[in-house]
Each structure stands twice: as structure tokens, then as C-alpha cells.
PDB file of all heavy atoms in Angstrom:
ATOM      1  N   VAL A   1       2.782   1.696   3.791  1.00  0.00           N
ATOM      2  CA  VAL A   1       2.147   2.789   3.055  1.00  0.00           C
ATOM      3  C   VAL A   1       0.709   2.920   3.517  1.00  0.00           C
ATOM      4  O   VAL A   1       0.034   1.922   3.761  1.00  0.00           O
ATOM      5  CB  VAL A   1       2.161   2.515   1.529  1.00  0.00           C
ATOM      6  CG1 VAL A   1       1.304   3.518   0.781  1.00  0.00           C
ATOM      7  CG2 VAL A   1       3.573   2.538   0.987  1.00  0.00           C
ATOM      8  N   ALA A   2       0.250   4.152   3.647  1.00  0.00           N
ATOM      9  CA  ALA A   2      -1.164   4.421   3.931  1.00  0.00           C
ATOM     10  C   ALA A   2      -1.569   5.644   3.118  1.00  0.00           C
ATOM     11  O   ALA A   2      -0.830   6.626   3.045  1.00  0.00           O
ATOM     12  CB  ALA A   2      -1.380   4.674   5.416  1.00  0.00           C
ATOM     13  N   ASP A   3      -2.745   5.560   2.481  1.00  0.00           N
ATOM     14  CA  ASP A   3      -3.210   6.685   1.679  1.00  0.00           C
ATOM     15  C   ASP A   3      -4.697   6.565   1.420  1.00  0.00           C
ATOM     16  O   ASP A   3      -5.331   5.594   1.835  1.00  0.00           O
ATOM     17  CB  ASP A   3      -2.436   6.784   0.358  1.00  0.00           C
ATOM     18  CG  ASP A   3      -2.537   5.547  -0.533  1.00  0.00           C
ATOM     19  OD1 ASP A   3      -3.658   5.017  -0.721  1.00  0.00           O
ATOM     20  OD2 ASP A   3      -1.507   5.120  -1.077  1.00  0.00           O
ATOM     21  N   VAL A   4      -5.234   7.563   0.758  1.00  0.00           N
ATOM     22  CA  VAL A   4      -6.621   7.508   0.304  1.00  0.00           C
ATOM     23  C   VAL A   4      -6.649   7.928  -1.153  1.00  0.00           C
ATOM     24  O   VAL A   4      -6.035   8.911  -1.547  1.00  0.00           O
ATOM     25  CB  VAL A   4      -7.571   8.369   1.174  1.00  0.00           C
ATOM     26  CG1 VAL A   4      -7.210   9.843   1.133  1.00  0.00           C
ATOM     27  CG2 VAL A   4      -9.024   8.139   0.783  1.00  0.00           C
ATOM     28  N   ASP A   5      -7.334   7.124  -1.950  1.00  0.00           N
ATOM     29  CA  ASP A   5      -7.540   7.408  -3.365  1.00  0.00           C
ATOM     30  C   ASP A   5      -8.859   8.166  -3.446  1.00  0.00           C
ATOM     31  O   ASP A   5      -9.937   7.585  -3.322  1.00  0.00           O
ATOM     32  CB  ASP A   5      -7.594   6.087  -4.131  1.00  0.00           C
ATOM     33  CG  ASP A   5      -7.873   6.238  -5.614  1.00  0.00           C
ATOM     34  OD1 ASP A   5      -8.397   7.297  -6.026  1.00  0.00           O
ATOM     35  OD2 ASP A   5      -7.588   5.282  -6.354  1.00  0.00           O
ATOM     36  N   LEU A   6      -8.770   9.467  -3.610  1.00  0.00           N
ATOM     37  CA  LEU A   6      -9.958  10.322  -3.603  1.00  0.00           C
ATOM     38  C   LEU A   6     -10.784  10.173  -4.871  1.00  0.00           C
ATOM     39  O   LEU A   6     -11.979  10.458  -4.873  1.00  0.00           O
ATOM     40  CB  LEU A   6      -9.548  11.780  -3.394  1.00  0.00           C
ATOM     41  CG  LEU A   6      -8.848  12.069  -2.067  1.00  0.00           C
ATOM     42  CD1 LEU A   6      -8.277  13.475  -2.060  1.00  0.00           C
ATOM     43  CD2 LEU A   6      -9.797  11.857  -0.904  1.00  0.00           C
ATOM     44  N   THR A   7     -10.169   9.729  -5.951  1.00  0.00           N
ATOM     45  CA  THR A   7     -10.888   9.542  -7.210  1.00  0.00           C
ATOM     46  C   THR A   7     -11.771   8.294  -7.157  1.00  0.00           C
ATOM     47  O   THR A   7     -12.912   8.308  -7.592  1.00  0.00           O
ATOM     48  CB  THR A   7      -9.896   9.435  -8.386  1.00  0.00           C
ATOM     49  OG1 THR A   7      -9.064  10.594  -8.385  1.00  0.00           O
ATOM     50  CG2 THR A   7     -10.618   9.318  -9.712  1.00  0.00           C
ATOM     51  N   ASN A   8     -11.228   7.213  -6.621  1.00  0.00           N
ATOM     52  CA  ASN A   8     -11.945   5.940  -6.573  1.00  0.00           C
ATOM     53  C   ASN A   8     -12.582   5.653  -5.215  1.00  0.00           C
ATOM     54  O   ASN A   8     -13.151   4.583  -5.012  1.00  0.00           O
ATOM     55  CB  ASN A   8     -11.007   4.792  -6.974  1.00  0.00           C
ATOM     56  CG  ASN A   8     -10.565   4.914  -8.410  1.00  0.00           C
ATOM     57  OD1 ASN A   8     -11.381   4.897  -9.314  1.00  0.00           O
ATOM     58  ND2 ASN A   8      -9.267   5.076  -8.632  1.00  0.00           N
ATOM     59  N   ASN A   9     -12.450   6.608  -4.286  1.00  0.00           N
ATOM     60  CA  ASN A   9     -13.058   6.487  -2.955  1.00  0.00           C
ATOM     61  C   ASN A   9     -12.662   5.215  -2.211  1.00  0.00           C
ATOM     62  O   ASN A   9     -13.515   4.420  -1.798  1.00  0.00           O
ATOM     63  CB  ASN A   9     -14.586   6.581  -3.048  1.00  0.00           C
ATOM     64  CG  ASN A   9     -15.034   7.944  -3.484  1.00  0.00           C
ATOM     65  OD1 ASN A   9     -14.493   8.956  -3.041  1.00  0.00           O
ATOM     66  ND2 ASN A   9     -16.012   7.995  -4.366  1.00  0.00           N
ATOM     67  N   ILE A  10     -11.344   5.042  -2.051  1.00  0.00           N
ATOM     68  CA  ILE A  10     -10.875   3.887  -1.296  1.00  0.00           C
ATOM     69  C   ILE A  10      -9.657   4.266  -0.458  1.00  0.00           C
ATOM     70  O   ILE A  10      -8.741   4.928  -0.926  1.00  0.00           O
ATOM     71  CB  ILE A  10     -10.549   2.689  -2.223  1.00  0.00           C
ATOM     72  CG1 ILE A  10     -10.224   1.457  -1.388  1.00  0.00           C
ATOM     73  CG2 ILE A  10      -9.436   3.011  -3.186  1.00  0.00           C
ATOM     74  CD1 ILE A  10     -10.284   0.160  -2.150  1.00  0.00           C
ATOM     75  N   ALA A  11      -9.702   3.878   0.803  1.00  0.00           N
ATOM     76  CA  ALA A  11      -8.542   4.046   1.675  1.00  0.00           C
ATOM     77  C   ALA A  11      -7.682   2.795   1.529  1.00  0.00           C
ATOM     78  O   ALA A  11      -8.196   1.679   1.423  1.00  0.00           O
ATOM     79  CB  ALA A  11      -8.993   4.224   3.119  1.00  0.00           C
ATOM     80  N   PHE A  12      -6.376   2.986   1.517  1.00  0.00           N
ATOM     81  CA  PHE A  12      -5.431   1.896   1.254  1.00  0.00           C
ATOM     82  C   PHE A  12      -4.344   1.948   2.314  1.00  0.00           C
ATOM     83  O   PHE A  12      -3.795   3.017   2.600  1.00  0.00           O
ATOM     84  CB  PHE A  12      -4.814   2.102  -0.138  1.00  0.00           C
ATOM     85  CG  PHE A  12      -3.753   1.107  -0.509  1.00  0.00           C
ATOM     86  CD1 PHE A  12      -4.102  -0.089  -1.104  1.00  0.00           C
ATOM     87  CD2 PHE A  12      -2.416   1.370  -0.288  1.00  0.00           C
ATOM     88  CE1 PHE A  12      -3.134  -1.011  -1.470  1.00  0.00           C
ATOM     89  CE2 PHE A  12      -1.440   0.463  -0.642  1.00  0.00           C
ATOM     90  CZ  PHE A  12      -1.801  -0.742  -1.242  1.00  0.00           C
ATOM     91  N   ALA A  13      -4.048   0.803   2.912  1.00  0.00           N
ATOM     92  CA  ALA A  13      -2.948   0.753   3.877  1.00  0.00           C
ATOM     93  C   ALA A  13      -2.350  -0.648   3.913  1.00  0.00           C
ATOM     94  O   ALA A  13      -3.080  -1.639   3.905  1.00  0.00           O
ATOM     95  CB  ALA A  13      -3.423   1.143   5.266  1.00  0.00           C
ATOM     96  N   VAL A  14      -1.047  -0.690   3.926  1.00  0.00           N
ATOM     97  CA  VAL A  14      -0.313  -1.936   4.109  1.00  0.00           C
ATOM     98  C   VAL A  14       0.757  -1.630   5.144  1.00  0.00           C
ATOM     99  O   VAL A  14       1.560  -0.714   4.959  1.00  0.00           O
ATOM    100  CB  VAL A  14       0.348  -2.432   2.802  1.00  0.00           C
ATOM    101  CG1 VAL A  14       1.172  -3.687   3.058  1.00  0.00           C
ATOM    102  CG2 VAL A  14      -0.702  -2.684   1.735  1.00  0.00           C
ATOM    103  N   THR A  15       0.736  -2.362   6.228  1.00  0.00           N
ATOM    104  CA  THR A  15       1.769  -2.196   7.247  1.00  0.00           C
ATOM    105  C   THR A  15       2.581  -3.482   7.327  1.00  0.00           C
ATOM    106  O   THR A  15       2.118  -4.553   6.942  1.00  0.00           O
ATOM    107  CB  THR A  15       1.166  -1.871   8.627  1.00  0.00           C
ATOM    108  OG1 THR A  15       0.266  -2.915   9.011  1.00  0.00           O
ATOM    109  CG2 THR A  15       0.431  -0.549   8.598  1.00  0.00           C
ATOM    110  N   LYS A  16       3.793  -3.337   7.798  1.00  0.00           N
ATOM    111  CA  LYS A  16       4.690  -4.479   7.881  1.00  0.00           C
ATOM    112  C   LYS A  16       5.003  -4.781   9.342  1.00  0.00           C
ATOM    113  O   LYS A  16       5.009  -3.883  10.183  1.00  0.00           O
ATOM    114  CB  LYS A  16       5.975  -4.158   7.120  1.00  0.00           C
ATOM    115  CG  LYS A  16       5.713  -3.965   5.623  1.00  0.00           C
ATOM    116  CD  LYS A  16       6.882  -3.385   4.892  1.00  0.00           C
ATOM    117  CE  LYS A  16       8.050  -4.307   4.880  1.00  0.00           C
ATOM    118  NZ  LYS A  16       9.155  -3.793   4.071  1.00  0.00           N
ATOM    119  N   ASN A  17       5.252  -6.040   9.614  1.00  0.00           N
ATOM    120  CA  ASN A  17       5.621  -6.440  10.964  1.00  0.00           C
ATOM    121  C   ASN A  17       7.074  -6.139  11.282  1.00  0.00           C
ATOM    122  O   ASN A  17       7.435  -6.017  12.438  1.00  0.00           O
ATOM    123  CB  ASN A  17       5.373  -7.942  11.166  1.00  0.00           C
ATOM    124  CG  ASN A  17       3.911  -8.264  11.153  1.00  0.00           C
ATOM    125  OD1 ASN A  17       3.076  -7.439  11.478  1.00  0.00           O
ATOM    126  ND2 ASN A  17       3.586  -9.482  10.755  1.00  0.00           N
ATOM    127  N   ARG A  18       7.882  -6.035  10.270  1.00  0.00           N
ATOM    128  CA  ARG A  18       9.303  -5.775  10.459  1.00  0.00           C
ATOM    129  C   ARG A  18       9.767  -4.651   9.561  1.00  0.00           C
ATOM    130  O   ARG A  18       9.395  -4.563   8.400  1.00  0.00           O
ATOM    131  CB  ARG A  18      10.140  -7.031  10.184  1.00  0.00           C
ATOM    132  CG  ARG A  18       9.907  -8.135  11.184  1.00  0.00           C
ATOM    133  CD  ARG A  18      10.438  -7.717  12.530  1.00  0.00           C
ATOM    134  NE  ARG A  18      10.173  -8.713  13.550  1.00  0.00           N
ATOM    135  CZ  ARG A  18      10.150  -8.439  14.829  1.00  0.00           C
ATOM    136  NH1 ARG A  18      10.374  -7.224  15.267  1.00  0.00           N
ATOM    137  NH2 ARG A  18       9.913  -9.370  15.697  1.00  0.00           N
ATOM    138  N   PHE A  19      10.607  -3.808  10.100  1.00  0.00           N
ATOM    139  CA  PHE A  19      11.182  -2.666   9.398  1.00  0.00           C
ATOM    140  C   PHE A  19      12.148  -3.150   8.333  1.00  0.00           C
ATOM    141  O   PHE A  19      13.048  -3.938   8.603  1.00  0.00           O
ATOM    142  CB  PHE A  19      11.922  -1.809  10.433  1.00  0.00           C
ATOM    143  CG  PHE A  19      12.547  -0.556   9.888  1.00  0.00           C
ATOM    144  CD1 PHE A  19      11.848   0.633   9.910  1.00  0.00           C
ATOM    145  CD2 PHE A  19      13.841  -0.559   9.392  1.00  0.00           C
ATOM    146  CE1 PHE A  19      12.419   1.807   9.440  1.00  0.00           C
ATOM    147  CE2 PHE A  19      14.427   0.602   8.920  1.00  0.00           C
ATOM    148  CZ  PHE A  19      13.704   1.787   8.945  1.00  0.00           C
ATOM    149  N   THR A  20      11.960  -2.694   7.114  1.00  0.00           N
ATOM    150  CA  THR A  20      12.924  -2.896   6.037  1.00  0.00           C
ATOM    151  C   THR A  20      13.018  -1.557   5.313  1.00  0.00           C
ATOM    152  O   THR A  20      12.104  -1.172   4.598  1.00  0.00           O
ATOM    153  CB  THR A  20      12.511  -4.016   5.063  1.00  0.00           C
ATOM    154  OG1 THR A  20      11.187  -3.775   4.598  1.00  0.00           O
ATOM    155  CG2 THR A  20      12.572  -5.383   5.719  1.00  0.00           C
ATOM    156  N   ALA A  21      14.077  -0.847   5.560  1.00  0.00           N
ATOM    157  CA  ALA A  21      14.212   0.547   5.125  1.00  0.00           C
ATOM    158  C   ALA A  21      13.980   0.740   3.635  1.00  0.00           C
ATOM    159  O   ALA A  21      14.672   0.161   2.805  1.00  0.00           O
ATOM    160  CB  ALA A  21      15.596   1.073   5.506  1.00  0.00           C
ATOM    161  N   GLY A  22      12.961   1.563   3.317  1.00  0.00           N
ATOM    162  CA  GLY A  22      12.686   1.960   1.945  1.00  0.00           C
ATOM    163  C   GLY A  22      12.259   0.842   1.013  1.00  0.00           C
ATOM    164  O   GLY A  22      12.263   1.018  -0.197  1.00  0.00           O
ATOM    165  N   ASP A  23      11.878  -0.300   1.539  1.00  0.00           N
ATOM    166  CA  ASP A  23      11.503  -1.449   0.714  1.00  0.00           C
ATOM    167  C   ASP A  23       9.984  -1.493   0.561  1.00  0.00           C
ATOM    168  O   ASP A  23       9.265  -1.854   1.479  1.00  0.00           O
ATOM    169  CB  ASP A  23      12.007  -2.741   1.364  1.00  0.00           C
ATOM    170  CG  ASP A  23      11.568  -3.983   0.620  1.00  0.00           C
ATOM    171  OD1 ASP A  23      11.099  -3.872  -0.531  1.00  0.00           O
ATOM    172  OD2 ASP A  23      11.701  -5.077   1.194  1.00  0.00           O
ATOM    173  N   TYR A  24       9.512  -1.106  -0.633  1.00  0.00           N
ATOM    174  CA  TYR A  24       8.071  -1.095  -0.906  1.00  0.00           C
ATOM    175  C   TYR A  24       7.664  -2.234  -1.828  1.00  0.00           C
ATOM    176  O   TYR A  24       6.583  -2.211  -2.404  1.00  0.00           O
ATOM    177  CB  TYR A  24       7.668   0.255  -1.522  1.00  0.00           C
ATOM    178  CG  TYR A  24       8.003   1.407  -0.612  1.00  0.00           C
ATOM    179  CD1 TYR A  24       9.094   2.221  -0.861  1.00  0.00           C
ATOM    180  CD2 TYR A  24       7.240   1.651   0.525  1.00  0.00           C
ATOM    181  CE1 TYR A  24       9.411   3.260  -0.006  1.00  0.00           C
ATOM    182  CE2 TYR A  24       7.551   2.678   1.380  1.00  0.00           C
ATOM    183  CZ  TYR A  24       8.637   3.479   1.105  1.00  0.00           C
ATOM    184  OH  TYR A  24       8.957   4.501   1.963  1.00  0.00           O
ATOM    185  N   THR A  25       8.507  -3.258  -1.971  1.00  0.00           N
ATOM    186  CA  THR A  25       8.191  -4.350  -2.895  1.00  0.00           C
ATOM    187  C   THR A  25       6.927  -5.099  -2.499  1.00  0.00           C
ATOM    188  O   THR A  25       6.226  -5.620  -3.364  1.00  0.00           O
ATOM    189  CB  THR A  25       9.369  -5.339  -3.016  1.00  0.00           C
ATOM    190  OG1 THR A  25       9.726  -5.802  -1.704  1.00  0.00           O
ATOM    191  CG2 THR A  25      10.561  -4.690  -3.679  1.00  0.00           C
ATOM    192  N   ASN A  26       6.624  -5.160  -1.208  1.00  0.00           N
ATOM    193  CA  ASN A  26       5.393  -5.844  -0.804  1.00  0.00           C
ATOM    194  C   ASN A  26       4.147  -5.017  -1.107  1.00  0.00           C
ATOM    195  O   ASN A  26       3.045  -5.542  -1.165  1.00  0.00           O
ATOM    196  CB  ASN A  26       5.439  -6.216   0.677  1.00  0.00           C
ATOM    197  CG  ASN A  26       5.452  -5.005   1.580  1.00  0.00           C
ATOM    198  OD1 ASN A  26       5.996  -3.959   1.229  1.00  0.00           O
ATOM    199  ND2 ASN A  26       4.865  -5.114   2.743  1.00  0.00           N
ATOM    200  N   ILE A  27       4.303  -3.727  -1.334  1.00  0.00           N
ATOM    201  CA  ILE A  27       3.171  -2.846  -1.615  1.00  0.00           C
ATOM    202  C   ILE A  27       2.677  -3.045  -3.045  1.00  0.00           C
ATOM    203  O   ILE A  27       1.472  -3.049  -3.304  1.00  0.00           O
ATOM    204  CB  ILE A  27       3.562  -1.369  -1.401  1.00  0.00           C
ATOM    205  CG1 ILE A  27       4.140  -1.141  -0.003  1.00  0.00           C
ATOM    206  CG2 ILE A  27       2.390  -0.435  -1.681  1.00  0.00           C
ATOM    207  CD1 ILE A  27       3.255  -1.505   1.140  1.00  0.00           C
ATOM    208  N   ALA A  28       3.582  -3.207  -3.989  1.00  0.00           N
ATOM    209  CA  ALA A  28       3.214  -3.267  -5.410  1.00  0.00           C
ATOM    210  C   ALA A  28       2.181  -4.348  -5.731  1.00  0.00           C
ATOM    211  O   ALA A  28       1.183  -4.055  -6.389  1.00  0.00           O
ATOM    212  CB  ALA A  28       4.464  -3.421  -6.267  1.00  0.00           C
ATOM    213  N   PRO A  29       2.358  -5.611  -5.301  1.00  0.00           N
ATOM    214  CA  PRO A  29       1.356  -6.609  -5.674  1.00  0.00           C
ATOM    215  C   PRO A  29      -0.009  -6.352  -5.024  1.00  0.00           C
ATOM    216  O   PRO A  29      -1.051  -6.617  -5.632  1.00  0.00           O
ATOM    217  CB  PRO A  29       1.950  -7.939  -5.217  1.00  0.00           C
ATOM    218  CG  PRO A  29       3.079  -7.610  -4.324  1.00  0.00           C
ATOM    219  CD  PRO A  29       3.505  -6.208  -4.628  1.00  0.00           C
ATOM    220  N   ILE A  30      -0.014  -5.818  -3.825  1.00  0.00           N
ATOM    221  CA  ILE A  30      -1.284  -5.518  -3.153  1.00  0.00           C
ATOM    222  C   ILE A  30      -1.965  -4.344  -3.837  1.00  0.00           C
ATOM    223  O   ILE A  30      -3.169  -4.362  -4.091  1.00  0.00           O
ATOM    224  CB  ILE A  30      -1.050  -5.261  -1.650  1.00  0.00           C
ATOM    225  CG1 ILE A  30      -0.470  -6.516  -1.004  1.00  0.00           C
ATOM    226  CG2 ILE A  30      -2.347  -4.836  -0.967  1.00  0.00           C
ATOM    227  CD1 ILE A  30       0.083  -6.311   0.387  1.00  0.00           C
ATOM    228  N   SER A  31      -1.193  -3.313  -4.165  1.00  0.00           N
ATOM    229  CA  SER A  31      -1.740  -2.177  -4.896  1.00  0.00           C
ATOM    230  C   SER A  31      -2.300  -2.617  -6.244  1.00  0.00           C
ATOM    231  O   SER A  31      -3.355  -2.153  -6.675  1.00  0.00           O
ATOM    232  CB  SER A  31      -0.660  -1.111  -5.088  1.00  0.00           C
ATOM    233  OG  SER A  31      -1.146  -0.033  -5.855  1.00  0.00           O
ATOM    234  N   ALA A  32      -1.604  -3.541  -6.918  1.00  0.00           N
ATOM    235  CA  ALA A  32      -2.070  -4.039  -8.217  1.00  0.00           C
ATOM    236  C   ALA A  32      -3.414  -4.744  -8.082  1.00  0.00           C
ATOM    237  O   ALA A  32      -4.305  -4.568  -8.924  1.00  0.00           O
ATOM    238  CB  ALA A  32      -1.035  -4.981  -8.824  1.00  0.00           C
ATOM    239  N   LEU A  33      -3.594  -5.516  -7.025  1.00  0.00           N
ATOM    240  CA  LEU A  33      -4.880  -6.200  -6.803  1.00  0.00           C
ATOM    241  C   LEU A  33      -5.999  -5.189  -6.573  1.00  0.00           C
ATOM    242  O   LEU A  33      -7.092  -5.327  -7.119  1.00  0.00           O
ATOM    243  CB  LEU A  33      -4.779  -7.150  -5.607  1.00  0.00           C
ATOM    244  CG  LEU A  33      -3.989  -8.427  -5.825  1.00  0.00           C
ATOM    245  CD1 LEU A  33      -3.815  -9.161  -4.500  1.00  0.00           C
ATOM    246  CD2 LEU A  33      -4.663  -9.310  -6.844  1.00  0.00           C
ATOM    247  N   VAL A  34      -5.710  -4.186  -5.776  1.00  0.00           N
ATOM    248  CA  VAL A  34      -6.724  -3.146  -5.501  1.00  0.00           C
ATOM    249  C   VAL A  34      -7.057  -2.393  -6.783  1.00  0.00           C
ATOM    250  O   VAL A  34      -8.218  -2.184  -7.113  1.00  0.00           O
ATOM    251  CB  VAL A  34      -6.246  -2.192  -4.391  1.00  0.00           C
ATOM    252  CG1 VAL A  34      -7.182  -1.005  -4.235  1.00  0.00           C
ATOM    253  CG2 VAL A  34      -6.117  -2.948  -3.071  1.00  0.00           C
ATOM    254  N   THR A  35      -6.033  -1.993  -7.531  1.00  0.00           N
ATOM    255  CA  THR A  35      -6.242  -1.265  -8.776  1.00  0.00           C
ATOM    256  C   THR A  35      -7.050  -2.089  -9.773  1.00  0.00           C
ATOM    257  O   THR A  35      -7.980  -1.595 -10.402  1.00  0.00           O
ATOM    258  CB  THR A  35      -4.884  -0.852  -9.394  1.00  0.00           C
ATOM    259  OG1 THR A  35      -4.187  -0.034  -8.454  1.00  0.00           O
ATOM    260  CG2 THR A  35      -5.073  -0.091 -10.682  1.00  0.00           C
TER     261      THR A  35
END
């Protein structure tokens, strides 16, 4: 996932080394830390 939070002025990106189709489970804990 890659995006920019225009309200809080932060760019956010998490990339994976291996393809796992439609699996965003690794994004949630990182997003929670940022939030």
C-alpha cells in the first residue's frame, strides 16, 4: 500500500518482498502505529 494522508500531512507506504494476493494483514499493524 502507498498513499498520502492529506489531513495529517504524512506519506505512508509499506511494500512487501513477496507477492501475496490481496493480503493486507501486514499493513494494519503498521498503519495502527502511524495512526
